């Protein structure tokens, strides 16, 4: 959904939506609820990436997925997680190298 459509549906300006997305303004709880309703999502989904202690939300989501897996799929999860962990470490190292290079 475009910022313009979201702004219109939530009855705020496009600039305000942009400022919210970029954490350049504060937003009322009432307006967050309006935005969540327009986006047809929960407040958890809307703000989870901004929460310091969001682990429980992700654990519950993962459990919901896990409960639907077959035994064979469950056996593959540890290897998949090891691969993801390794990939994330590589990405973090690359980011650190880029940060260091951008200083000079």
PDB file of N, CA and C in Angstrom:
ATOM      1  N   UNK A   1       0.848  -1.170   0.000  1.00  0.00           N
ATOM      2  CA  UNK A   1       0.000   0.000   0.000  1.00  0.00           C
ATOM      3  C   UNK A   1       0.898   1.238   0.000  1.00  0.00           C
ATOM      4  N   UNK A   2       0.536   2.202  -0.773  1.00  0.00           N
ATOM      5  CA  UNK A   2       1.342   3.426  -0.860  1.00  0.00           C
ATOM      6  C   UNK A   2       1.128   4.296   0.375  1.00  0.00           C
ATOM      7  N   UNK A   3       2.080   5.176   0.615  1.00  0.00           N
ATOM      8  CA  UNK A   3       1.943   6.110   1.729  1.00  0.00           C
ATOM      9  C   UNK A   3       0.711   6.986   1.539  1.00  0.00           C
ATOM     10  N   UNK A   4       0.441   7.367   0.307  1.00  0.00           N
ATOM     11  CA  UNK A   4      -0.704   8.231   0.025  1.00  0.00           C
ATOM     12  C   UNK A   4      -2.020   7.530   0.388  1.00  0.00           C
ATOM     13  N   UNK A   5      -2.143   6.270  -0.004  1.00  0.00           N
ATOM     14  CA  UNK A   5      -3.372   5.523   0.315  1.00  0.00           C
ATOM     15  C   UNK A   5      -3.511   5.307   1.810  1.00  0.00           C
ATOM     16  N   UNK A   6      -2.402   4.961   2.463  1.00  0.00           N
ATOM     17  CA  UNK A   6      -2.420   4.748   3.907  1.00  0.00           C
ATOM     18  C   UNK A   6      -2.780   6.046   4.622  1.00  0.00           C
ATOM     19  N   UNK A   7      -2.162   7.134   4.222  1.00  0.00           N
ATOM     20  CA  UNK A   7      -2.429   8.430   4.849  1.00  0.00           C
ATOM     21  C   UNK A   7      -3.901   8.811   4.704  1.00  0.00           C
ATOM     22  N   UNK A   8      -4.444   8.622   3.529  1.00  0.00           N
ATOM     23  CA  UNK A   8      -5.849   8.960   3.295  1.00  0.00           C
ATOM     24  C   UNK A   8      -6.770   8.097   4.168  1.00  0.00           C
ATOM     25  N   UNK A   9      -6.516   6.799   4.180  1.00  0.00           N
ATOM     26  CA  UNK A   9      -7.365   5.881   4.937  1.00  0.00           C
ATOM     27  C   UNK A   9      -7.247   6.109   6.442  1.00  0.00           C
ATOM     28  N   UNK A  10      -6.057   6.484   6.914  1.00  0.00           N
ATOM     29  CA  UNK A  10      -5.835   6.712   8.347  1.00  0.00           C
ATOM     30  C   UNK A  10      -6.106   8.163   8.749  1.00  0.00           C
ATOM     31  N   UNK A  11      -6.454   8.976   7.764  1.00  0.00           N
ATOM     32  CA  UNK A  11      -6.786  10.387   7.980  1.00  0.00           C
ATOM     33  C   UNK A  11      -5.638  11.186   8.588  1.00  0.00           C
ATOM     34  N   UNK A  12      -4.460  11.011   7.976  1.00  0.00           N
ATOM     35  CA  UNK A  12      -3.286  11.806   8.331  1.00  0.00           C
ATOM     36  C   UNK A  12      -2.609  12.235   7.029  1.00  0.00           C
ATOM     37  N   UNK A  13      -1.624  13.098   7.145  1.00  0.00           N
ATOM     38  CA  UNK A  13      -0.911  13.543   5.952  1.00  0.00           C
ATOM     39  C   UNK A  13       0.107  12.493   5.496  1.00  0.00           C
ATOM     40  N   UNK A  14       0.466  12.561   4.240  1.00  0.00           N
ATOM     41  CA  UNK A  14       1.498  11.679   3.702  1.00  0.00           C
ATOM     42  C   UNK A  14       2.815  11.931   4.437  1.00  0.00           C
ATOM     43  N   UNK A  15       3.111  13.190   4.717  1.00  0.00           N
ATOM     44  CA  UNK A  15       4.344  13.532   5.427  1.00  0.00           C
ATOM     45  C   UNK A  15       4.362  12.902   6.819  1.00  0.00           C
ATOM     46  N   UNK A  16       3.203  12.879   7.479  1.00  0.00           N
ATOM     47  CA  UNK A  16       3.142  12.276   8.813  1.00  0.00           C
ATOM     48  C   UNK A  16       3.419  10.770   8.734  1.00  0.00           C
ATOM     49  N   UNK A  17       2.859  10.110   7.736  1.00  0.00           N
ATOM     50  CA  UNK A  17       3.134   8.677   7.545  1.00  0.00           C
ATOM     51  C   UNK A  17       4.622   8.471   7.320  1.00  0.00           C
ATOM     52  N   UNK A  18       5.234   9.291   6.474  1.00  0.00           N
ATOM     53  CA  UNK A  18       6.669   9.193   6.214  1.00  0.00           C
ATOM     54  C   UNK A  18       7.469   9.394   7.499  1.00  0.00           C
ATOM     55  N   UNK A  19       7.083  10.383   8.284  1.00  0.00           N
ATOM     56  CA  UNK A  19       7.783  10.656   9.539  1.00  0.00           C
ATOM     57  C   UNK A  19       7.641   9.506  10.529  1.00  0.00           C
ATOM     58  N   UNK A  20       6.478   8.873  10.555  1.00  0.00           N
ATOM     59  CA  UNK A  20       6.270   7.715  11.434  1.00  0.00           C
ATOM     60  C   UNK A  20       7.174   6.572  10.986  1.00  0.00           C
ATOM     61  N   UNK A  21       7.190   6.296   9.692  1.00  0.00           N
ATOM     62  CA  UNK A  21       8.008   5.201   9.160  1.00  0.00           C
ATOM     63  C   UNK A  21       9.488   5.401   9.450  1.00  0.00           C
ATOM     64  N   UNK A  22       9.922   6.634   9.452  1.00  0.00           N
ATOM     65  CA  UNK A  22      11.342   6.943   9.649  1.00  0.00           C
ATOM     66  C   UNK A  22      11.674   7.365  11.075  1.00  0.00           C
ATOM     67  N   UNK A  23      10.731   7.140  11.996  1.00  0.00           N
ATOM     68  CA  UNK A  23      10.907   7.445  13.418  1.00  0.00           C
ATOM     69  C   UNK A  23      11.320   8.896  13.659  1.00  0.00           C
ATOM     70  N   UNK A  24      10.709   9.803  12.889  1.00  0.00           N
ATOM     71  CA  UNK A  24      11.019  11.224  13.043  1.00  0.00           C
ATOM     72  C   UNK A  24       9.923  11.969  13.803  1.00  0.00           C
ATOM     73  N   UNK A  25       8.903  11.236  14.234  1.00  0.00           N
ATOM     74  CA  UNK A  25       7.807  11.842  14.974  1.00  0.00           C
ATOM     75  C   UNK A  25       7.216  10.825  15.925  1.00  0.00           C
ATOM     76  N   UNK A  26       6.502  11.320  16.896  1.00  0.00           N
ATOM     77  CA  UNK A  26       5.759  10.442  17.790  1.00  0.00           C
ATOM     78  C   UNK A  26       4.354  10.285  17.216  1.00  0.00           C
ATOM     79  N   UNK A  27       3.733   9.172  17.555  1.00  0.00           N
ATOM     80  CA  UNK A  27       2.388   8.915  17.061  1.00  0.00           C
ATOM     81  C   UNK A  27       1.538   8.428  18.223  1.00  0.00           C
ATOM     82  N   UNK A  28       0.295   8.844  18.253  1.00  0.00           N
ATOM     83  CA  UNK A  28      -0.595   8.444  19.343  1.00  0.00           C
ATOM     84  C   UNK A  28      -0.994   6.983  19.202  1.00  0.00           C
ATOM     85  N   UNK A  29      -1.357   6.393  20.326  1.00  0.00           N
ATOM     86  CA  UNK A  29      -1.831   5.011  20.322  1.00  0.00           C
ATOM     87  C   UNK A  29      -3.070   4.893  19.441  1.00  0.00           C
ATOM     88  N   UNK A  30      -3.951   5.855  19.528  1.00  0.00           N
ATOM     89  CA  UNK A  30      -5.169   5.843  18.709  1.00  0.00           C
ATOM     90  C   UNK A  30      -4.826   5.818  17.215  1.00  0.00           C
ATOM     91  N   UNK A  31      -3.845   6.601  16.808  1.00  0.00           N
ATOM     92  CA  UNK A  31      -3.467   6.646  15.396  1.00  0.00           C
ATOM     93  C   UNK A  31      -2.778   5.357  14.984  1.00  0.00           C
ATOM     94  N   UNK A  32      -1.971   4.754  15.880  1.00  0.00           N
ATOM     95  CA  UNK A  32      -1.359   3.457  15.577  1.00  0.00           C
ATOM     96  C   UNK A  32      -2.422   2.390  15.366  1.00  0.00           C
ATOM     97  N   UNK A  33      -3.460   2.423  16.176  1.00  0.00           N
ATOM     98  CA  UNK A  33      -4.562   1.473  16.012  1.00  0.00           C
ATOM     99  C   UNK A  33      -5.248   1.714  14.669  1.00  0.00           C
ATOM    100  N   UNK A  34      -5.471   2.975  14.315  1.00  0.00           N
ATOM    101  CA  UNK A  34      -6.066   3.294  13.009  1.00  0.00           C
ATOM    102  C   UNK A  34      -5.213   2.731  11.875  1.00  0.00           C
ATOM    103  N   UNK A  35      -3.917   2.936  11.953  1.00  0.00           N
ATOM    104  CA  UNK A  35      -3.002   2.459  10.907  1.00  0.00           C
ATOM    105  C   UNK A  35      -3.007   0.937  10.844  1.00  0.00           C
ATOM    106  N   UNK A  36      -2.976   0.276  12.003  1.00  0.00           N
ATOM    107  CA  UNK A  36      -3.026  -1.192  12.032  1.00  0.00           C
ATOM    108  C   UNK A  36      -4.313  -1.692  11.395  1.00  0.00           C
ATOM    109  N   UNK A  37      -5.422  -1.040  11.689  1.00  0.00           N
ATOM    110  CA  UNK A  37      -6.702  -1.442  11.098  1.00  0.00           C
ATOM    111  C   UNK A  37      -6.713  -1.255   9.586  1.00  0.00           C
ATOM    112  N   UNK A  38      -6.161  -0.142   9.126  1.00  0.00           N
ATOM    113  CA  UNK A  38      -6.090   0.100   7.679  1.00  0.00           C
ATOM    114  C   UNK A  38      -5.234  -0.967   7.007  1.00  0.00           C
ATOM    115  N   UNK A  39      -4.127  -1.339   7.649  1.00  0.00           N
ATOM    116  CA  UNK A  39      -3.205  -2.336   7.088  1.00  0.00           C
ATOM    117  C   UNK A  39      -3.670  -3.774   7.345  1.00  0.00           C
ATOM    118  N   UNK A  40      -4.764  -3.916   8.088  1.00  0.00           N
ATOM    119  CA  UNK A  40      -5.317  -5.234   8.431  1.00  0.00           C
ATOM    120  C   UNK A  40      -4.262  -6.107   9.107  1.00  0.00           C
ATOM    121  N   UNK A  41      -3.613  -5.530  10.118  1.00  0.00           N
ATOM    122  CA  UNK A  41      -2.598  -6.273  10.873  1.00  0.00           C
ATOM    123  C   UNK A  41      -2.782  -5.984  12.356  1.00  0.00           C
ATOM    124  N   UNK A  42      -2.132  -6.774  13.178  1.00  0.00           N
ATOM    125  CA  UNK A  42      -2.195  -6.554  14.625  1.00  0.00           C
ATOM    126  C   UNK A  42      -1.180  -5.483  15.019  1.00  0.00           C
ATOM    127  N   UNK A  43      -1.351  -4.969  16.221  1.00  0.00           N
ATOM    128  CA  UNK A  43      -0.383  -4.007  16.733  1.00  0.00           C
ATOM    129  C   UNK A  43       0.984  -4.671  16.878  1.00  0.00           C
ATOM    130  N   UNK A  44       1.005  -5.966  17.267  1.00  0.00           N
ATOM    131  CA  UNK A  44       2.270  -6.702  17.356  1.00  0.00           C
ATOM    132  C   UNK A  44       3.013  -6.642  16.032  1.00  0.00           C
ATOM    133  N   UNK A  45       2.302  -6.956  14.952  1.00  0.00           N
ATOM    134  CA  UNK A  45       2.940  -6.963  13.637  1.00  0.00           C
ATOM    135  C   UNK A  45       3.421  -5.582  13.242  1.00  0.00           C
ATOM    136  N   UNK A  46       2.648  -4.572  13.605  1.00  0.00           N
ATOM    137  CA  UNK A  46       2.976  -3.204  13.218  1.00  0.00           C
ATOM    138  C   UNK A  46       4.224  -2.679  13.920  1.00  0.00           C
ATOM    139  N   UNK A  47       4.372  -2.981  15.203  1.00  0.00           N
ATOM    140  CA  UNK A  47       5.470  -2.367  15.957  1.00  0.00           C
ATOM    141  C   UNK A  47       6.539  -3.338  16.420  1.00  0.00           C
ATOM    142  N   UNK A  48       6.412  -4.612  16.103  1.00  0.00           N
ATOM    143  CA  UNK A  48       7.315  -5.624  16.655  1.00  0.00           C
ATOM    144  C   UNK A  48       8.787  -5.319  16.396  1.00  0.00           C
ATOM    145  N   UNK A  49       9.139  -4.849  15.221  1.00  0.00           N
ATOM    146  CA  UNK A  49      10.549  -4.573  14.927  1.00  0.00           C
ATOM    147  C   UNK A  49      11.108  -3.436  15.769  1.00  0.00           C
ATOM    148  N   UNK A  50      10.231  -2.620  16.350  1.00  0.00           N
ATOM    149  CA  UNK A  50      10.672  -1.503  17.183  1.00  0.00           C
ATOM    150  C   UNK A  50      10.791  -1.873  18.652  1.00  0.00           C
ATOM    151  N   UNK A  51      10.265  -3.031  19.018  1.00  0.00           N
ATOM    152  CA  UNK A  51      10.281  -3.433  20.422  1.00  0.00           C
ATOM    153  C   UNK A  51      11.642  -3.980  20.822  1.00  0.00           C
ATOM    154  N   UNK A  52      12.078  -3.606  22.005  1.00  0.00           N
ATOM    155  CA  UNK A  52      13.344  -4.102  22.522  1.00  0.00           C
ATOM    156  C   UNK A  52      13.219  -5.563  22.925  1.00  0.00           C
ATOM    157  N   UNK A  53      12.096  -5.932  23.516  1.00  0.00           N
ATOM    158  CA  UNK A  53      11.873  -7.302  23.987  1.00  0.00           C
ATOM    159  C   UNK A  53      10.770  -7.959  23.170  1.00  0.00           C
ATOM    160  N   UNK A  54      11.026  -8.188  21.908  1.00  0.00           N
ATOM    161  CA  UNK A  54      10.032  -8.779  21.009  1.00  0.00           C
ATOM    162  C   UNK A  54      10.196 -10.282  20.880  1.00  0.00           C
ATOM    163  N   UNK A  55      11.145 -10.864  21.588  1.00  0.00           N
ATOM    164  CA  UNK A  55      11.445 -12.289  21.425  1.00  0.00           C
ATOM    165  C   UNK A  55      10.208 -13.159  21.611  1.00  0.00           C
ATOM    166  N   UNK A  56       9.400 -12.890  22.622  1.00  0.00           N
ATOM    167  CA  UNK A  56       8.225 -13.721  22.889  1.00  0.00           C
ATOM    168  C   UNK A  56       7.267 -13.724  21.704  1.00  0.00           C
ATOM    169  N   UNK A  57       7.162 -12.620  21.016  1.00  0.00           N
ATOM    170  CA  UNK A  57       6.279 -12.538  19.848  1.00  0.00           C
ATOM    171  C   UNK A  57       6.794 -13.459  18.749  1.00  0.00           C
ATOM    172  N   UNK A  58       8.107 -13.409  18.515  1.00  0.00           N
ATOM    173  CA  UNK A  58       8.691 -14.253  17.472  1.00  0.00           C
ATOM    174  C   UNK A  58       8.666 -15.723  17.862  1.00  0.00           C
ATOM    175  N   UNK A  59       8.860 -16.015  19.139  1.00  0.00           N
ATOM    176  CA  UNK A  59       8.811 -17.407  19.598  1.00  0.00           C
ATOM    177  C   UNK A  59       7.406 -17.966  19.382  1.00  0.00           C
ATOM    178  N   UNK A  60       6.393 -17.193  19.713  1.00  0.00           N
ATOM    179  CA  UNK A  60       5.017 -17.645  19.512  1.00  0.00           C
ATOM    180  C   UNK A  60       4.704 -17.854  18.030  1.00  0.00           C
ATOM    181  N   UNK A  61       5.190 -16.965  17.192  1.00  0.00           N
ATOM    182  CA  UNK A  61       4.981 -17.121  15.751  1.00  0.00           C
ATOM    183  C   UNK A  61       5.681 -18.381  15.250  1.00  0.00           C
ATOM    184  N   UNK A  62       6.919 -18.591  15.694  1.00  0.00           N
ATOM    185  CA  UNK A  62       7.671 -19.782  15.280  1.00  0.00           C
ATOM    186  C   UNK A  62       6.977 -21.056  15.765  1.00  0.00           C
ATOM    187  N   UNK A  63       6.438 -21.027  16.974  1.00  0.00           N
ATOM    188  CA  UNK A  63       5.736 -22.193  17.498  1.00  0.00           C
ATOM    189  C   UNK A  63       4.526 -22.529  16.632  1.00  0.00           C
ATOM    190  N   UNK A  64       3.813 -21.506  16.189  1.00  0.00           N
ATOM    191  CA  UNK A  64       2.664 -21.737  15.315  1.00  0.00           C
ATOM    192  C   UNK A  64       3.071 -22.416  14.017  1.00  0.00           C
ATOM    193  N   UNK A  65       4.216 -22.029  13.485  1.00  0.00           N
ATOM    194  CA  UNK A  65       4.736 -22.649  12.262  1.00  0.00           C
ATOM    195  C   UNK A  65       5.209 -24.064  12.565  1.00  0.00           C
ATOM    196  N   UNK A  66       5.958 -24.210  13.638  1.00  0.00           N
ATOM    197  CA  UNK A  66       6.524 -25.502  14.052  1.00  0.00           C
ATOM    198  C   UNK A  66       5.429 -26.555  14.226  1.00  0.00           C
ATOM    199  N   UNK A  67       4.310 -26.161  14.825  1.00  0.00           N
ATOM    200  CA  UNK A  67       3.227 -27.098  15.096  1.00  0.00           C
ATOM    201  C   UNK A  67       2.628 -27.693  13.821  1.00  0.00           C
ATOM    202  N   UNK A  68       2.846 -27.050  12.690  1.00  0.00           N
ATOM    203  CA  UNK A  68       2.271 -27.515  11.422  1.00  0.00           C
ATOM    204  C   UNK A  68       3.250 -28.354  10.599  1.00  0.00           C
ATOM    205  N   UNK A  69       4.483 -28.527  11.079  1.00  0.00           N
ATOM    206  CA  UNK A  69       5.507 -29.227  10.319  1.00  0.00           C
ATOM    207  C   UNK A  69       5.438 -30.740  10.518  1.00  0.00           C
ATOM    208  N   UNK A  70       5.904 -31.451   9.510  1.00  0.00           N
ATOM    209  CA  UNK A  70       6.040 -32.906   9.621  1.00  0.00           C
ATOM    210  C   UNK A  70       7.308 -33.225  10.410  1.00  0.00           C
ATOM    211  N   UNK A  71       7.453 -34.491  10.817  1.00  0.00           N
ATOM    212  CA  UNK A  71       8.665 -34.908  11.530  1.00  0.00           C
ATOM    213  C   UNK A  71       9.917 -34.670  10.692  1.00  0.00           C
ATOM    214  N   UNK A  72       9.839 -34.960   9.395  1.00  0.00           N
ATOM    215  CA  UNK A  72      11.001 -34.763   8.511  1.00  0.00           C
ATOM    216  C   UNK A  72      11.370 -33.281   8.437  1.00  0.00           C
ATOM    217  N   UNK A  73      10.392 -32.425   8.367  1.00  0.00           N
ATOM    218  CA  UNK A  73      10.668 -30.986   8.313  1.00  0.00           C
ATOM    219  C   UNK A  73      11.274 -30.505   9.633  1.00  0.00           C
ATOM    220  N   UNK A  74      10.789 -31.031  10.737  1.00  0.00           N
ATOM    221  CA  UNK A  74      11.310 -30.644  12.046  1.00  0.00           C
ATOM    222  C   UNK A  74      12.778 -31.055  12.179  1.00  0.00           C
ATOM    223  N   UNK A  75      13.128 -32.233  11.661  1.00  0.00           N
ATOM    224  CA  UNK A  75      14.521 -32.684  11.733  1.00  0.00           C
ATOM    225  C   UNK A  75      15.453 -31.771  10.945  1.00  0.00           C
ATOM    226  N   UNK A  76      14.955 -31.078   9.940  1.00  0.00           N
ATOM    227  CA  UNK A  76      15.786 -30.196   9.122  1.00  0.00           C
ATOM    228  C   UNK A  76      16.010 -28.830   9.773  1.00  0.00           C
ATOM    229  N   UNK A  77      15.206 -28.492  10.752  1.00  0.00           N
ATOM    230  CA  UNK A  77      15.271 -27.147  11.350  1.00  0.00           C
ATOM    231  C   UNK A  77      16.623 -26.815  11.974  1.00  0.00           C
ATOM    232  N   UNK A  78      17.232 -27.680  12.780  1.00  0.00           N
ATOM    233  CA  UNK A  78      18.532 -27.292  13.367  1.00  0.00           C
ATOM    234  C   UNK A  78      19.581 -26.931  12.319  1.00  0.00           C
ATOM    235  N   UNK A  79      19.662 -27.697  11.247  1.00  0.00           N
ATOM    236  CA  UNK A  79      20.636 -27.390  10.200  1.00  0.00           C
ATOM    237  C   UNK A  79      20.307 -26.058   9.523  1.00  0.00           C
ATOM    238  N   UNK A  80      19.040 -25.835   9.292  1.00  0.00           N
ATOM    239  CA  UNK A  80      18.605 -24.574   8.697  1.00  0.00           C
ATOM    240  C   UNK A  80      18.972 -23.400   9.605  1.00  0.00           C
ATOM    241  N   UNK A  81      18.750 -23.535  10.889  1.00  0.00           N
ATOM    242  CA  UNK A  81      19.086 -22.469  11.834  1.00  0.00           C
ATOM    243  C   UNK A  81      20.588 -22.219  11.908  1.00  0.00           C
ATOM    244  N   UNK A  82      21.372 -23.298  11.861  1.00  0.00           N
ATOM    245  CA  UNK A  82      22.836 -23.115  11.848  1.00  0.00           C
ATOM    246  C   UNK A  82      23.250 -22.333  10.601  1.00  0.00           C
ATOM    247  N   UNK A  83      22.676 -22.661   9.457  1.00  0.00           N
ATOM    248  CA  UNK A  83      22.996 -21.945   8.218  1.00  0.00           C
ATOM    249  C   UNK A  83      22.591 -20.481   8.299  1.00  0.00           C
ATOM    250  N   UNK A  84      21.422 -20.216   8.856  1.00  0.00           N
ATOM    251  CA  UNK A  84      20.958 -18.828   9.005  1.00  0.00           C
ATOM    252  C   UNK A  84      21.866 -18.046   9.952  1.00  0.00           C
ATOM    253  N   UNK A  85      22.266 -18.690  11.035  1.00  0.00           N
ATOM    254  CA  UNK A  85      23.152 -18.039  12.001  1.00  0.00           C
ATOM    255  C   UNK A  85      24.487 -17.688  11.350  1.00  0.00           C
ATOM    256  N   UNK A  86      25.031 -18.622  10.595  1.00  0.00           N
ATOM    257  CA  UNK A  86      26.295 -18.392   9.901  1.00  0.00           C
ATOM    258  C   UNK A  86      26.150 -17.235   8.907  1.00  0.00           C
ATOM    259  N   UNK A  87      25.075 -17.242   8.133  1.00  0.00           N
ATOM    260  CA  UNK A  87      24.831 -16.190   7.150  1.00  0.00           C
ATOM    261  C   UNK A  87      24.712 -14.824   7.838  1.00  0.00           C
ATOM    262  N   UNK A  88      23.986 -14.772   8.951  1.00  0.00           N
ATOM    263  CA  UNK A  88      23.827 -13.508   9.680  1.00  0.00           C
ATOM    264  C   UNK A  88      25.160 -12.986  10.195  1.00  0.00           C
ATOM    265  N   UNK A  89      26.011 -13.886  10.678  1.00  0.00           N
ATOM    266  CA  UNK A  89      27.342 -13.476  11.140  1.00  0.00           C
ATOM    267  C   UNK A  89      28.162 -12.901   9.989  1.00  0.00           C
ATOM    268  N   UNK A  90      28.090 -13.546   8.823  1.00  0.00           N
ATOM    269  CA  UNK A  90      28.806 -13.028   7.654  1.00  0.00           C
ATOM    270  C   UNK A  90      28.293 -11.644   7.261  1.00  0.00           C
ATOM    271  N   UNK A  91      26.995 -11.464   7.294  1.00  0.00           N
ATOM    272  CA  UNK A  91      26.409 -10.168   6.932  1.00  0.00           C
ATOM    273  C   UNK A  91      26.826  -9.090   7.929  1.00  0.00           C
ATOM    274  N   UNK A  92      26.871  -9.423   9.204  1.00  0.00           N
ATOM    275  CA  UNK A  92      27.281  -8.469  10.229  1.00  0.00           C
ATOM    276  C   UNK A  92      28.755  -8.089  10.042  1.00  0.00           C
ATOM    277  N   UNK A  93      29.604  -9.068   9.740  1.00  0.00           N
ATOM    278  CA  UNK A  93      31.019  -8.788   9.494  1.00  0.00           C
ATOM    279  C   UNK A  93      31.176  -7.869   8.283  1.00  0.00           C
ATOM    280  N   UNK A  94      30.412  -8.123   7.247  1.00  0.00           N
ATOM    281  CA  UNK A  94      30.464  -7.277   6.043  1.00  0.00           C
ATOM    282  C   UNK A  94      30.012  -5.859   6.369  1.00  0.00           C
ATOM    283  N   UNK A  95      28.968  -5.727   7.162  1.00  0.00           N
ATOM    284  CA  UNK A  95      28.478  -4.406   7.570  1.00  0.00           C
ATOM    285  C   UNK A  95      29.548  -3.670   8.366  1.00  0.00           C
ATOM    286  N   UNK A  96      30.195  -4.369   9.293  1.00  0.00           N
ATOM    287  CA  UNK A  96      31.253  -3.748  10.082  1.00  0.00           C
ATOM    288  C   UNK A  96      32.403  -3.289   9.193  1.00  0.00           C
ATOM    289  N   UNK A  97      32.802  -4.111   8.207  1.00  0.00           N
ATOM    290  CA  UNK A  97      33.871  -3.710   7.276  1.00  0.00           C
ATOM    291  C   UNK A  97      33.462  -2.465   6.494  1.00  0.00           C
ATOM    292  N   UNK A  98      32.221  -2.440   6.035  1.00  0.00           N
ATOM    293  CA  UNK A  98      31.740  -1.279   5.281  1.00  0.00           C
ATOM    294  C   UNK A  98      31.693  -0.027   6.150  1.00  0.00           C
ATOM    295  N   UNK A  99      31.294  -0.193   7.418  1.00  0.00           N
ATOM    296  CA  UNK A  99      31.263   0.948   8.335  1.00  0.00           C
ATOM    297  C   UNK A  99      32.662   1.506   8.562  1.00  0.00           C
ATOM    298  N   UNK A 100      33.617   0.612   8.735  1.00  0.00           N
ATOM    299  CA  UNK A 100      35.005   1.042   8.945  1.00  0.00           C
ATOM    300  C   UNK A 100      35.532   1.752   7.695  1.00  0.00           C
ATOM    301  N   UNK A 101      35.274   1.193   6.521  1.00  0.00           N
ATOM    302  CA  UNK A 101      35.749   1.790   5.272  1.00  0.00           C
ATOM    303  C   UNK A 101      35.090   3.144   5.029  1.00  0.00           C
ATOM    304  N   UNK A 102      33.829   3.299   5.415  1.00  0.00           N
ATOM    305  CA  UNK A 102      33.141   4.571   5.163  1.00  0.00           C
ATOM    306  C   UNK A 102      33.660   5.693   6.057  1.00  0.00           C
ATOM    307  N   UNK A 103      34.342   5.350   7.138  1.00  0.00           N
ATOM    308  CA  UNK A 103      34.921   6.363   8.022  1.00  0.00           C
ATOM    309  C   UNK A 103      36.145   7.022   7.409  1.00  0.00           C
ATOM    310  N   UNK A 104      36.780   6.319   6.474  1.00  0.00           N
ATOM    311  CA  UNK A 104      38.029   6.823   5.899  1.00  0.00           C
ATOM    312  C   UNK A 104      37.819   7.328   4.541  1.00  0.00           C
TER     313      UNK A 104
END
